[in-house]
Amino acid sequence: MPVDFNTALEELVEKKVMEFVPVLLYKKTRFTPEDIAELYGIHKDVARNKMNEGQFGEVIEITKRRKVVTLEGLLEYEAKHRGFTSGKPEPKAPSKKRKAAVGRI
């Protein structure tokens, strides 16, 4: 079975380039809570709590108070949280309104 050298080389180069696309997209490989908050539009305290819960993978402790997560952990988080799985969001059921208690005046 003959192997086309150009096709094999093209596939190899494409595979290698795809490894660097996330790094080029985010321009870094380590993220602080402030970076995560800016990326996802959440408060930095919420991002810090998610980091401590392990939602972004392994937390690297630079100092006792300064922690970061890796690009791999961030990409895993994004893969798990891609939006609605069923298509449309379910509408909330209307809440029952309470009538005012009528009593002695």
PDB file of N, CA and C in Angstrom:
ATOM      1  N   MET A   1       0.846  -1.173   0.000  1.00  0.00           N
ATOM      2  CA  MET A   1       0.000   0.000   0.000  1.00  0.00           C
ATOM      3  C   MET A   1       0.897   1.243   0.000  1.00  0.00           C
ATOM      4  N   PRO A   2       0.852   2.041  -1.039  1.00  0.00           N
ATOM      5  CA  PRO A   2       1.710   3.229  -1.105  1.00  0.00           C
ATOM      6  C   PRO A   2       1.200   4.330  -0.166  1.00  0.00           C
ATOM      7  N   VAL A   3       2.133   5.029   0.441  1.00  0.00           N
ATOM      8  CA  VAL A   3       1.813   6.122   1.354  1.00  0.00           C
ATOM      9  C   VAL A   3       2.218   7.423   0.684  1.00  0.00           C
ATOM     10  N   ASP A   4       1.279   8.347   0.642  1.00  0.00           N
ATOM     11  CA  ASP A   4       1.564   9.655   0.067  1.00  0.00           C
ATOM     12  C   ASP A   4       2.295  10.497   1.112  1.00  0.00           C
ATOM     13  N   PHE A   5       3.528  10.852   0.827  1.00  0.00           N
ATOM     14  CA  PHE A   5       4.344  11.604   1.768  1.00  0.00           C
ATOM     15  C   PHE A   5       3.728  12.956   2.085  1.00  0.00           C
ATOM     16  N   ASN A   6       3.200  13.646   1.095  1.00  0.00           N
ATOM     17  CA  ASN A   6       2.614  14.975   1.309  1.00  0.00           C
ATOM     18  C   ASN A   6       1.404  14.907   2.230  1.00  0.00           C
ATOM     19  N   THR A   7       0.554  13.909   2.038  1.00  0.00           N
ATOM     20  CA  THR A   7      -0.629  13.767   2.891  1.00  0.00           C
ATOM     21  C   THR A   7      -0.220  13.460   4.326  1.00  0.00           C
ATOM     22  N   ALA A   8       0.734  12.559   4.503  1.00  0.00           N
ATOM     23  CA  ALA A   8       1.212  12.211   5.841  1.00  0.00           C
ATOM     24  C   ALA A   8       1.830  13.415   6.532  1.00  0.00           C
ATOM     25  N   LEU A   9       2.611  14.181   5.803  1.00  0.00           N
ATOM     26  CA  LEU A   9       3.245  15.373   6.365  1.00  0.00           C
ATOM     27  C   LEU A   9       2.201  16.426   6.729  1.00  0.00           C
ATOM     28  N   GLU A  10       1.216  16.586   5.863  1.00  0.00           N
ATOM     29  CA  GLU A  10       0.145  17.553   6.114  1.00  0.00           C
ATOM     30  C   GLU A  10      -0.629  17.195   7.378  1.00  0.00           C
ATOM     31  N   GLU A  11      -0.936  15.921   7.568  1.00  0.00           N
ATOM     32  CA  GLU A  11      -1.654  15.472   8.766  1.00  0.00           C
ATOM     33  C   GLU A  11      -0.812  15.693  10.016  1.00  0.00           C
ATOM     34  N   LEU A  12       0.482  15.430   9.919  1.00  0.00           N
ATOM     35  CA  LEU A  12       1.380  15.622  11.048  1.00  0.00           C
ATOM     36  C   LEU A  12       1.470  17.092  11.444  1.00  0.00           C
ATOM     37  N   VAL A  13       1.608  17.961  10.465  1.00  0.00           N
ATOM     38  CA  VAL A  13       1.703  19.396  10.738  1.00  0.00           C
ATOM     39  C   VAL A  13       0.387  19.912  11.325  1.00  0.00           C
ATOM     40  N   GLU A  14      -0.728  19.464  10.778  1.00  0.00           N
ATOM     41  CA  GLU A  14      -2.030  19.893  11.294  1.00  0.00           C
ATOM     42  C   GLU A  14      -2.211  19.466  12.742  1.00  0.00           C
ATOM     43  N   LYS A  15      -1.810  18.248  13.059  1.00  0.00           N
ATOM     44  CA  LYS A  15      -1.914  17.752  14.436  1.00  0.00           C
ATOM     45  C   LYS A  15      -1.072  18.598  15.376  1.00  0.00           C
ATOM     46  N   LYS A  16       0.140  18.939  14.957  1.00  0.00           N
ATOM     47  CA  LYS A  16       1.037  19.748  15.788  1.00  0.00           C
ATOM     48  C   LYS A  16       0.498  21.163  15.973  1.00  0.00           C
ATOM     49  N   VAL A  17      -0.042  21.755  14.917  1.00  0.00           N
ATOM     50  CA  VAL A  17      -0.582  23.117  14.991  1.00  0.00           C
ATOM     51  C   VAL A  17      -1.802  23.160  15.913  1.00  0.00           C
ATOM     52  N   MET A  18      -2.646  22.129  15.856  1.00  0.00           N
ATOM     53  CA  MET A  18      -3.854  22.100  16.685  1.00  0.00           C
ATOM     54  C   MET A  18      -3.519  22.036  18.173  1.00  0.00           C
ATOM     55  N   GLU A  19      -2.337  21.525  18.519  1.00  0.00           N
ATOM     56  CA  GLU A  19      -1.910  21.508  19.918  1.00  0.00           C
ATOM     57  C   GLU A  19      -1.662  22.927  20.433  1.00  0.00           C
ATOM     58  N   PHE A  20      -1.261  23.832  19.553  1.00  0.00           N
ATOM     59  CA  PHE A  20      -0.916  25.188  19.966  1.00  0.00           C
ATOM     60  C   PHE A  20      -2.053  26.194  19.796  1.00  0.00           C
ATOM     61  N   VAL A  21      -3.167  25.786  19.224  1.00  0.00           N
ATOM     62  CA  VAL A  21      -4.286  26.714  19.021  1.00  0.00           C
ATOM     63  C   VAL A  21      -4.795  27.282  20.345  1.00  0.00           C
ATOM     64  N   PRO A  22      -5.027  26.452  21.395  1.00  0.00           N
ATOM     65  CA  PRO A  22      -5.477  27.048  22.655  1.00  0.00           C
ATOM     66  C   PRO A  22      -4.471  28.031  23.248  1.00  0.00           C
ATOM     67  N   VAL A  23      -3.193  27.733  23.131  1.00  0.00           N
ATOM     68  CA  VAL A  23      -2.175  28.642  23.664  1.00  0.00           C
ATOM     69  C   VAL A  23      -2.198  29.958  22.898  1.00  0.00           C
ATOM     70  N   LEU A  24      -2.368  29.894  21.590  1.00  0.00           N
ATOM     71  CA  LEU A  24      -2.450  31.113  20.792  1.00  0.00           C
ATOM     72  C   LEU A  24      -3.727  31.886  21.091  1.00  0.00           C
ATOM     73  N   LEU A  25      -4.810  31.163  21.356  1.00  0.00           N
ATOM     74  CA  LEU A  25      -6.092  31.804  21.639  1.00  0.00           C
ATOM     75  C   LEU A  25      -6.064  32.543  22.971  1.00  0.00           C
ATOM     76  N   TYR A  26      -5.526  31.895  24.001  1.00  0.00           N
ATOM     77  CA  TYR A  26      -5.518  32.494  25.342  1.00  0.00           C
ATOM     78  C   TYR A  26      -4.243  33.269  25.650  1.00  0.00           C
ATOM     79  N   LYS A  27      -3.201  33.081  24.853  1.00  0.00           N
ATOM     80  CA  LYS A  27      -1.930  33.796  24.972  1.00  0.00           C
ATOM     81  C   LYS A  27      -1.151  33.488  26.247  1.00  0.00           C
ATOM     82  N   LYS A  28      -1.549  32.465  27.001  1.00  0.00           N
ATOM     83  CA  LYS A  28      -0.811  32.059  28.193  1.00  0.00           C
ATOM     84  C   LYS A  28      -1.224  30.651  28.589  1.00  0.00           C
ATOM     85  N   THR A  29      -0.500  30.071  29.540  1.00  0.00           N
ATOM     86  CA  THR A  29      -0.799  28.699  29.960  1.00  0.00           C
ATOM     87  C   THR A  29      -1.168  28.598  31.432  1.00  0.00           C
ATOM     88  N   ARG A  30      -1.049  29.679  32.193  1.00  0.00           N
ATOM     89  CA  ARG A  30      -1.416  29.697  33.606  1.00  0.00           C
ATOM     90  C   ARG A  30      -2.410  30.836  33.842  1.00  0.00           C
ATOM     91  N   PHE A  31      -3.436  30.583  34.669  1.00  0.00           N
ATOM     92  CA  PHE A  31      -4.495  31.567  34.859  1.00  0.00           C
ATOM     93  C   PHE A  31      -4.764  31.812  36.335  1.00  0.00           C
ATOM     94  N   THR A  32      -4.857  33.088  36.699  1.00  0.00           N
ATOM     95  CA  THR A  32      -5.195  33.509  38.058  1.00  0.00           C
ATOM     96  C   THR A  32      -6.711  33.650  38.166  1.00  0.00           C
ATOM     97  N   PRO A  33      -7.239  33.794  39.379  1.00  0.00           N
ATOM     98  CA  PRO A  33      -8.690  34.031  39.508  1.00  0.00           C
ATOM     99  C   PRO A  33      -9.150  35.283  38.752  1.00  0.00           C
ATOM    100  N   GLU A  34      -8.308  36.300  38.698  1.00  0.00           N
ATOM    101  CA  GLU A  34      -8.663  37.521  37.974  1.00  0.00           C
ATOM    102  C   GLU A  34      -8.782  37.247  36.475  1.00  0.00           C
ATOM    103  N   ASP A  35      -7.878  36.416  35.940  1.00  0.00           N
ATOM    104  CA  ASP A  35      -7.938  36.056  34.515  1.00  0.00           C
ATOM    105  C   ASP A  35      -9.220  35.277  34.211  1.00  0.00           C
ATOM    106  N   ILE A  36      -9.540  34.338  35.086  1.00  0.00           N
ATOM    107  CA  ILE A  36     -10.743  33.510  34.893  1.00  0.00           C
ATOM    108  C   ILE A  36     -11.991  34.375  34.982  1.00  0.00           C
ATOM    109  N   ALA A  37     -12.008  35.303  35.939  1.00  0.00           N
ATOM    110  CA  ALA A  37     -13.157  36.197  36.086  1.00  0.00           C
ATOM    111  C   ALA A  37     -13.351  37.029  34.823  1.00  0.00           C
ATOM    112  N   GLU A  38     -12.273  37.496  34.239  1.00  0.00           N
ATOM    113  CA  GLU A  38     -12.362  38.296  33.015  1.00  0.00           C
ATOM    114  C   GLU A  38     -12.821  37.442  31.830  1.00  0.00           C
ATOM    115  N   LEU A  39     -12.336  36.206  31.742  1.00  0.00           N
ATOM    116  CA  LEU A  39     -12.712  35.322  30.637  1.00  0.00           C
ATOM    117  C   LEU A  39     -14.195  34.988  30.642  1.00  0.00           C
ATOM    118  N   TYR A  40     -14.729  34.657  31.826  1.00  0.00           N
ATOM    119  CA  TYR A  40     -16.101  34.161  31.912  1.00  0.00           C
ATOM    120  C   TYR A  40     -17.118  35.196  32.392  1.00  0.00           C
ATOM    121  N   GLY A  41     -16.669  36.402  32.705  1.00  0.00           N
ATOM    122  CA  GLY A  41     -17.592  37.451  33.122  1.00  0.00           C
ATOM    123  C   GLY A  41     -18.200  37.201  34.497  1.00  0.00           C
ATOM    124  N   ILE A  42     -17.403  36.633  35.402  1.00  0.00           N
ATOM    125  CA  ILE A  42     -17.868  36.385  36.768  1.00  0.00           C
ATOM    126  C   ILE A  42     -16.991  37.179  37.724  1.00  0.00           C
ATOM    127  N   HIS A  43     -17.386  37.228  38.977  1.00  0.00           N
ATOM    128  CA  HIS A  43     -16.601  37.943  39.976  1.00  0.00           C
ATOM    129  C   HIS A  43     -15.369  37.116  40.334  1.00  0.00           C
ATOM    130  N   LYS A  44     -14.288  37.789  40.712  1.00  0.00           N
ATOM    131  CA  LYS A  44     -13.046  37.068  40.999  1.00  0.00           C
ATOM    132  C   LYS A  44     -13.177  36.156  42.215  1.00  0.00           C
ATOM    133  N   ASP A  45     -14.056  36.497  43.161  1.00  0.00           N
ATOM    134  CA  ASP A  45     -14.270  35.619  44.313  1.00  0.00           C
ATOM    135  C   ASP A  45     -14.966  34.322  43.896  1.00  0.00           C
ATOM    136  N   VAL A  46     -15.889  34.415  42.945  1.00  0.00           N
ATOM    137  CA  VAL A  46     -16.553  33.220  42.419  1.00  0.00           C
ATOM    138  C   VAL A  46     -15.524  32.353  41.688  1.00  0.00           C
ATOM    139  N   ALA A  47     -14.661  32.975  40.917  1.00  0.00           N
ATOM    140  CA  ALA A  47     -13.619  32.239  40.208  1.00  0.00           C
ATOM    141  C   ALA A  47     -12.677  31.562  41.195  1.00  0.00           C
ATOM    142  N   ARG A  48     -12.331  32.261  42.265  1.00  0.00           N
ATOM    143  CA  ARG A  48     -11.446  31.692  43.289  1.00  0.00           C
ATOM    144  C   ARG A  48     -12.115  30.500  43.972  1.00  0.00           C
ATOM    145  N   ASN A  49     -13.406  30.602  44.262  1.00  0.00           N
ATOM    146  CA  ASN A  49     -14.123  29.487  44.882  1.00  0.00           C
ATOM    147  C   ASN A  49     -14.160  28.279  43.955  1.00  0.00           C
ATOM    148  N   LYS A  50     -14.402  28.516  42.666  1.00  0.00           N
ATOM    149  CA  LYS A  50     -14.414  27.412  41.700  1.00  0.00           C
ATOM    150  C   LYS A  50     -13.036  26.766  41.592  1.00  0.00           C
ATOM    151  N   MET A  51     -11.991  27.580  41.667  1.00  0.00           N
ATOM    152  CA  MET A  51     -10.636  27.033  41.651  1.00  0.00           C
ATOM    153  C   MET A  51     -10.405  26.138  42.860  1.00  0.00           C
ATOM    154  N   ASN A  52     -10.797  26.622  44.041  1.00  0.00           N
ATOM    155  CA  ASN A  52     -10.587  25.854  45.270  1.00  0.00           C
ATOM    156  C   ASN A  52     -11.420  24.580  45.298  1.00  0.00           C
ATOM    157  N   GLU A  53     -12.571  24.566  44.609  1.00  0.00           N
ATOM    158  CA  GLU A  53     -13.399  23.363  44.518  1.00  0.00           C
ATOM    159  C   GLU A  53     -12.812  22.356  43.532  1.00  0.00           C
ATOM    160  N   GLY A  54     -11.850  22.788  42.732  1.00  0.00           N
ATOM    161  CA  GLY A  54     -11.208  21.889  41.779  1.00  0.00           C
ATOM    162  C   GLY A  54     -11.910  21.817  40.435  1.00  0.00           C
ATOM    163  N   GLN A  55     -12.771  22.774  40.114  1.00  0.00           N
ATOM    164  CA  GLN A  55     -13.495  22.743  38.849  1.00  0.00           C
ATOM    165  C   GLN A  55     -12.590  23.021  37.653  1.00  0.00           C
ATOM    166  N   PHE A  56     -11.441  23.662  37.882  1.00  0.00           N
ATOM    167  CA  PHE A  56     -10.509  23.964  36.797  1.00  0.00           C
ATOM    168  C   PHE A  56      -9.307  23.039  36.829  1.00  0.00           C
ATOM    169  N   GLY A  57      -9.432  21.912  37.481  1.00  0.00           N
ATOM    170  CA  GLY A  57      -8.327  20.968  37.538  1.00  0.00           C
ATOM    171  C   GLY A  57      -7.370  21.302  38.669  1.00  0.00           C
ATOM    172  N   GLU A  58      -6.138  20.881  38.495  1.00  0.00           N
ATOM    173  CA  GLU A  58      -5.120  21.046  39.530  1.00  0.00           C
ATOM    174  C   GLU A  58      -4.816  22.524  39.770  1.00  0.00           C
ATOM    175  N   VAL A  59      -4.735  22.879  41.057  1.00  0.00           N
ATOM    176  CA  VAL A  59      -4.393  24.240  41.445  1.00  0.00           C
ATOM    177  C   VAL A  59      -2.914  24.268  41.812  1.00  0.00           C
ATOM    178  N   ILE A  60      -2.172  25.165  41.196  1.00  0.00           N
ATOM    179  CA  ILE A  60      -0.747  25.312  41.479  1.00  0.00           C
ATOM    180  C   ILE A  60      -0.579  26.473  42.446  1.00  0.00           C
ATOM    181  N   GLU A  61       0.050  26.183  43.579  1.00  0.00           N
ATOM    182  CA  GLU A  61       0.239  27.199  44.613  1.00  0.00           C
ATOM    183  C   GLU A  61       1.601  27.864  44.422  1.00  0.00           C
ATOM    184  N   ILE A  62       1.591  29.107  43.958  1.00  0.00           N
ATOM    185  CA  ILE A  62       2.838  29.839  43.736  1.00  0.00           C
ATOM    186  C   ILE A  62       3.367  30.351  45.070  1.00  0.00           C
ATOM    187  N   THR A  63       2.522  31.028  45.807  1.00  0.00           N
ATOM    188  CA  THR A  63       2.802  31.402  47.191  1.00  0.00           C
ATOM    189  C   THR A  63       1.596  30.945  48.003  1.00  0.00           C
ATOM    190  N   LYS A  64       1.633  31.207  49.283  1.00  0.00           N
ATOM    191  CA  LYS A  64       0.510  30.769  50.126  1.00  0.00           C
ATOM    192  C   LYS A  64      -0.804  31.433  49.718  1.00  0.00           C
ATOM    193  N   ARG A  65      -0.710  32.664  49.220  1.00  0.00           N
ATOM    194  CA  ARG A  65      -1.927  33.397  48.850  1.00  0.00           C
ATOM    195  C   ARG A  65      -2.158  33.494  47.347  1.00  0.00           C
ATOM    196  N   ARG A  66      -1.185  33.105  46.542  1.00  0.00           N
ATOM    197  CA  ARG A  66      -1.299  33.242  45.083  1.00  0.00           C
ATOM    198  C   ARG A  66      -1.370  31.864  44.440  1.00  0.00           C
ATOM    199  N   LYS A  67      -2.496  31.586  43.760  1.00  0.00           N
ATOM    200  CA  LYS A  67      -2.701  30.285  43.133  1.00  0.00           C
ATOM    201  C   LYS A  67      -3.108  30.471  41.679  1.00  0.00           C
ATOM    202  N   VAL A  68      -2.749  29.494  40.838  1.00  0.00           N
ATOM    203  CA  VAL A  68      -3.094  29.524  39.419  1.00  0.00           C
ATOM    204  C   VAL A  68      -3.566  28.139  38.993  1.00  0.00           C
ATOM    205  N   VAL A  69      -4.239  28.099  37.842  1.00  0.00           N
ATOM    206  CA  VAL A  69      -4.627  26.832  37.225  1.00  0.00           C
ATOM    207  C   VAL A  69      -4.012  26.776  35.836  1.00  0.00           C
ATOM    208  N   THR A  70      -3.947  25.570  35.275  1.00  0.00           N
ATOM    209  CA  THR A  70      -3.318  25.390  33.974  1.00  0.00           C
ATOM    210  C   THR A  70      -4.324  25.555  32.841  1.00  0.00           C
ATOM    211  N   LEU A  71      -3.806  25.713  31.654  1.00  0.00           N
ATOM    212  CA  LEU A  71      -4.635  25.813  30.453  1.00  0.00           C
ATOM    213  C   LEU A  71      -5.405  24.511  30.231  1.00  0.00           C
ATOM    214  N   GLU A  72      -4.775  23.377  30.521  1.00  0.00           N
ATOM    215  CA  GLU A  72      -5.441  22.084  30.346  1.00  0.00           C
ATOM    216  C   GLU A  72      -6.679  21.988  31.229  1.00  0.00           C
ATOM    217  N   GLY A  73      -6.568  22.436  32.493  1.00  0.00           N
ATOM    218  CA  GLY A  73      -7.710  22.425  33.397  1.00  0.00           C
ATOM    219  C   GLY A  73      -8.822  23.338  32.915  1.00  0.00           C
ATOM    220  N   LEU A  74      -8.446  24.479  32.373  1.00  0.00           N
ATOM    221  CA  LEU A  74      -9.421  25.430  31.847  1.00  0.00           C
ATOM    222  C   LEU A  74     -10.155  24.844  30.641  1.00  0.00           C
ATOM    223  N   LEU A  75      -9.426  24.162  29.760  1.00  0.00           N
ATOM    224  CA  LEU A  75     -10.043  23.546  28.584  1.00  0.00           C
ATOM    225  C   LEU A  75     -10.968  22.393  28.979  1.00  0.00           C
ATOM    226  N   GLU A  76     -10.603  21.628  30.017  1.00  0.00           N
ATOM    227  CA  GLU A  76     -11.479  20.561  30.508  1.00  0.00           C
ATOM    228  C   GLU A  76     -12.772  21.150  31.067  1.00  0.00           C
ATOM    229  N   TYR A  77     -12.655  22.259  31.799  1.00  0.00           N
ATOM    230  CA  TYR A  77     -13.837  22.926  32.346  1.00  0.00           C
ATOM    231  C   TYR A  77     -14.762  23.376  31.213  1.00  0.00           C
ATOM    232  N   GLU A  78     -14.187  23.970  30.175  1.00  0.00           N
ATOM    233  CA  GLU A  78     -14.997  24.430  29.046  1.00  0.00           C
ATOM    234  C   GLU A  78     -15.657  23.270  28.314  1.00  0.00           C
ATOM    235  N   ALA A  79     -14.977  22.139  28.231  1.00  0.00           N
ATOM    236  CA  ALA A  79     -15.559  20.972  27.565  1.00  0.00           C
ATOM    237  C   ALA A  79     -16.761  20.440  28.344  1.00  0.00           C
ATOM    238  N   LYS A  80     -16.697  20.526  29.671  1.00  0.00           N
ATOM    239  CA  LYS A  80     -17.809  20.048  30.511  1.00  0.00           C
ATOM    240  C   LYS A  80     -18.981  21.020  30.518  1.00  0.00           C
ATOM    241  N   HIS A  81     -18.717  22.302  30.331  1.00  0.00           N
ATOM    242  CA  HIS A  81     -19.742  23.341  30.444  1.00  0.00           C
ATOM    243  C   HIS A  81     -19.947  24.022  29.098  1.00  0.00           C
ATOM    244  N   ARG A  82     -20.593  23.337  28.197  1.00  0.00           N
ATOM    245  CA  ARG A  82     -20.792  23.864  26.841  1.00  0.00           C
ATOM    246  C   ARG A  82     -22.157  24.492  26.620  1.00  0.00           C
ATOM    247  N   GLY A  83     -22.985  24.627  27.626  1.00  0.00           N
ATOM    248  CA  GLY A  83     -24.287  25.241  27.428  1.00  0.00           C
ATOM    249  C   GLY A  83     -25.401  24.238  27.635  1.00  0.00           C
ATOM    250  N   PHE A  84     -26.550  24.505  27.044  1.00  0.00           N
ATOM    251  CA  PHE A  84     -27.713  23.655  27.222  1.00  0.00           C
ATOM    252  C   PHE A  84     -27.512  22.323  26.511  1.00  0.00           C
ATOM    253  N   THR A  85     -27.898  21.239  27.164  1.00  0.00           N
ATOM    254  CA  THR A  85     -27.757  19.922  26.552  1.00  0.00           C
ATOM    255  C   THR A  85     -29.044  19.485  25.873  1.00  0.00           C
ATOM    256  N   SER A  86     -30.181  20.037  26.275  1.00  0.00           N
ATOM    257  CA  SER A  86     -31.452  19.593  25.707  1.00  0.00           C
ATOM    258  C   SER A  86     -31.974  20.522  24.616  1.00  0.00           C
ATOM    259  N   GLY A  87     -31.249  21.522  24.249  1.00  0.00           N
ATOM    260  CA  GLY A  87     -31.708  22.424  23.209  1.00  0.00           C
ATOM    261  C   GLY A  87     -32.202  23.732  23.782  1.00  0.00           C
ATOM    262  N   LYS A  88     -33.438  23.743  24.253  1.00  0.00           N
ATOM    263  CA  LYS A  88     -34.015  24.961  24.807  1.00  0.00           C
ATOM    264  C   LYS A  88     -34.060  24.869  26.332  1.00  0.00           C
ATOM    265  N   PRO A  89     -33.902  25.999  27.005  1.00  0.00           N
ATOM    266  CA  PRO A  89     -34.015  25.963  28.460  1.00  0.00           C
ATOM    267  C   PRO A  89     -35.467  25.755  28.878  1.00  0.00           C
ATOM    268  N   GLU A  90     -35.651  25.081  29.983  1.00  0.00           N
ATOM    269  CA  GLU A  90     -36.995  24.838  30.511  1.00  0.00           C
ATOM    270  C   GLU A  90     -37.528  26.127  31.125  1.00  0.00           C
ATOM    271  N   PRO A  91     -38.767  26.514  30.797  1.00  0.00           N
ATOM    272  CA  PRO A  91     -39.329  27.699  31.444  1.00  0.00           C
ATOM    273  C   PRO A  91     -39.666  27.397  32.899  1.00  0.00           C
ATOM    274  N   LYS A  92     -39.531  28.382  33.750  1.00  0.00           N
ATOM    275  CA  LYS A  92     -39.840  28.195  35.164  1.00  0.00           C
ATOM    276  C   LYS A  92     -41.347  28.170  35.346  1.00  0.00           C
ATOM    277  N   ALA A  93     -41.779  27.334  36.272  1.00  0.00           N
ATOM    278  CA  ALA A  93     -43.201  27.248  36.582  1.00  0.00           C
ATOM    279  C   ALA A  93     -43.606  28.511  37.330  1.00  0.00           C
ATOM    280  N   PRO A  94     -44.771  29.065  36.994  1.00  0.00           N
ATOM    281  CA  PRO A  94     -45.190  30.276  37.697  1.00  0.00           C
ATOM    282  C   PRO A  94     -45.451  29.971  39.167  1.00  0.00           C
ATOM    283  N   SER A  95     -45.025  30.866  40.026  1.00  0.00           N
ATOM    284  CA  SER A  95     -45.240  30.653  41.457  1.00  0.00           C
ATOM    285  C   SER A  95     -46.669  31.038  41.820  1.00  0.00           C
ATOM    286  N   LYS A  96     -47.204  30.355  42.799  1.00  0.00           N
ATOM    287  CA  LYS A  96     -48.558  30.652  43.248  1.00  0.00           C
ATOM    288  C   LYS A  96     -48.527  31.892  44.114  1.00  0.00           C
ATOM    289  N   LYS A  97     -49.439  32.802  43.833  1.00  0.00           N
ATOM    290  CA  LYS A  97     -49.491  34.031  44.613  1.00  0.00           C
ATOM    291  C   LYS A  97     -50.308  33.788  45.873  1.00  0.00           C
ATOM    292  N   ARG A  98     -49.811  34.296  46.943  1.00  0.00           N
ATOM    293  CA  ARG A  98     -50.507  34.154  48.225  1.00  0.00           C
ATOM    294  C   ARG A  98     -51.512  35.278  48.383  1.00  0.00           C
ATOM    295  N   LYS A  99     -52.680  34.910  48.833  1.00  0.00           N
ATOM    296  CA  LYS A  99     -53.682  35.930  49.136  1.00  0.00           C
ATOM    297  C   LYS A  99     -53.410  36.494  50.523  1.00  0.00           C
ATOM    298  N   ALA A 100     -53.735  37.736  50.666  1.00  0.00           N
ATOM    299  CA  ALA A 100     -53.552  38.369  51.960  1.00  0.00           C
ATOM    300  C   ALA A 100     -54.504  37.737  52.974  1.00  0.00           C
ATOM    301  N   ALA A 101     -53.983  37.502  54.151  1.00  0.00           N
ATOM    302  CA  ALA A 101     -54.803  36.892  55.197  1.00  0.00           C
ATOM    303  C   ALA A 101     -55.853  37.903  55.650  1.00  0.00           C
ATOM    304  N   VAL A 102     -57.083  37.468  55.557  1.00  0.00           N
ATOM    305  CA  VAL A 102     -58.175  38.341  55.986  1.00  0.00           C
ATOM    306  C   VAL A 102     -58.531  37.950  57.406  1.00  0.00           C
ATOM    307  N   GLY A 103     -58.527  38.907  58.252  1.00  0.00           N
ATOM    308  CA  GLY A 103     -58.831  38.622  59.654  1.00  0.00           C
ATOM    309  C   GLY A 103     -59.583  39.785  60.270  1.00  0.00           C
ATOM    310  N   ARG A 104     -59.585  39.767  61.504  1.00  0.00           N
ATOM    311  CA  ARG A 104     -60.286  40.804  62.240  1.00  0.00           C
ATOM    312  C   ARG A 104     -59.602  42.138  62.079  1.00  0.00           C
ATOM    313  N   ILE A 105     -60.374  43.159  61.848  1.00  0.00           N
ATOM    314  CA  ILE A 105     -59.816  44.487  61.668  1.00  0.00           C
ATOM    315  C   ILE A 105     -60.047  45.314  62.900  1.00  0.00           C
TER     316      ILE A 105
END
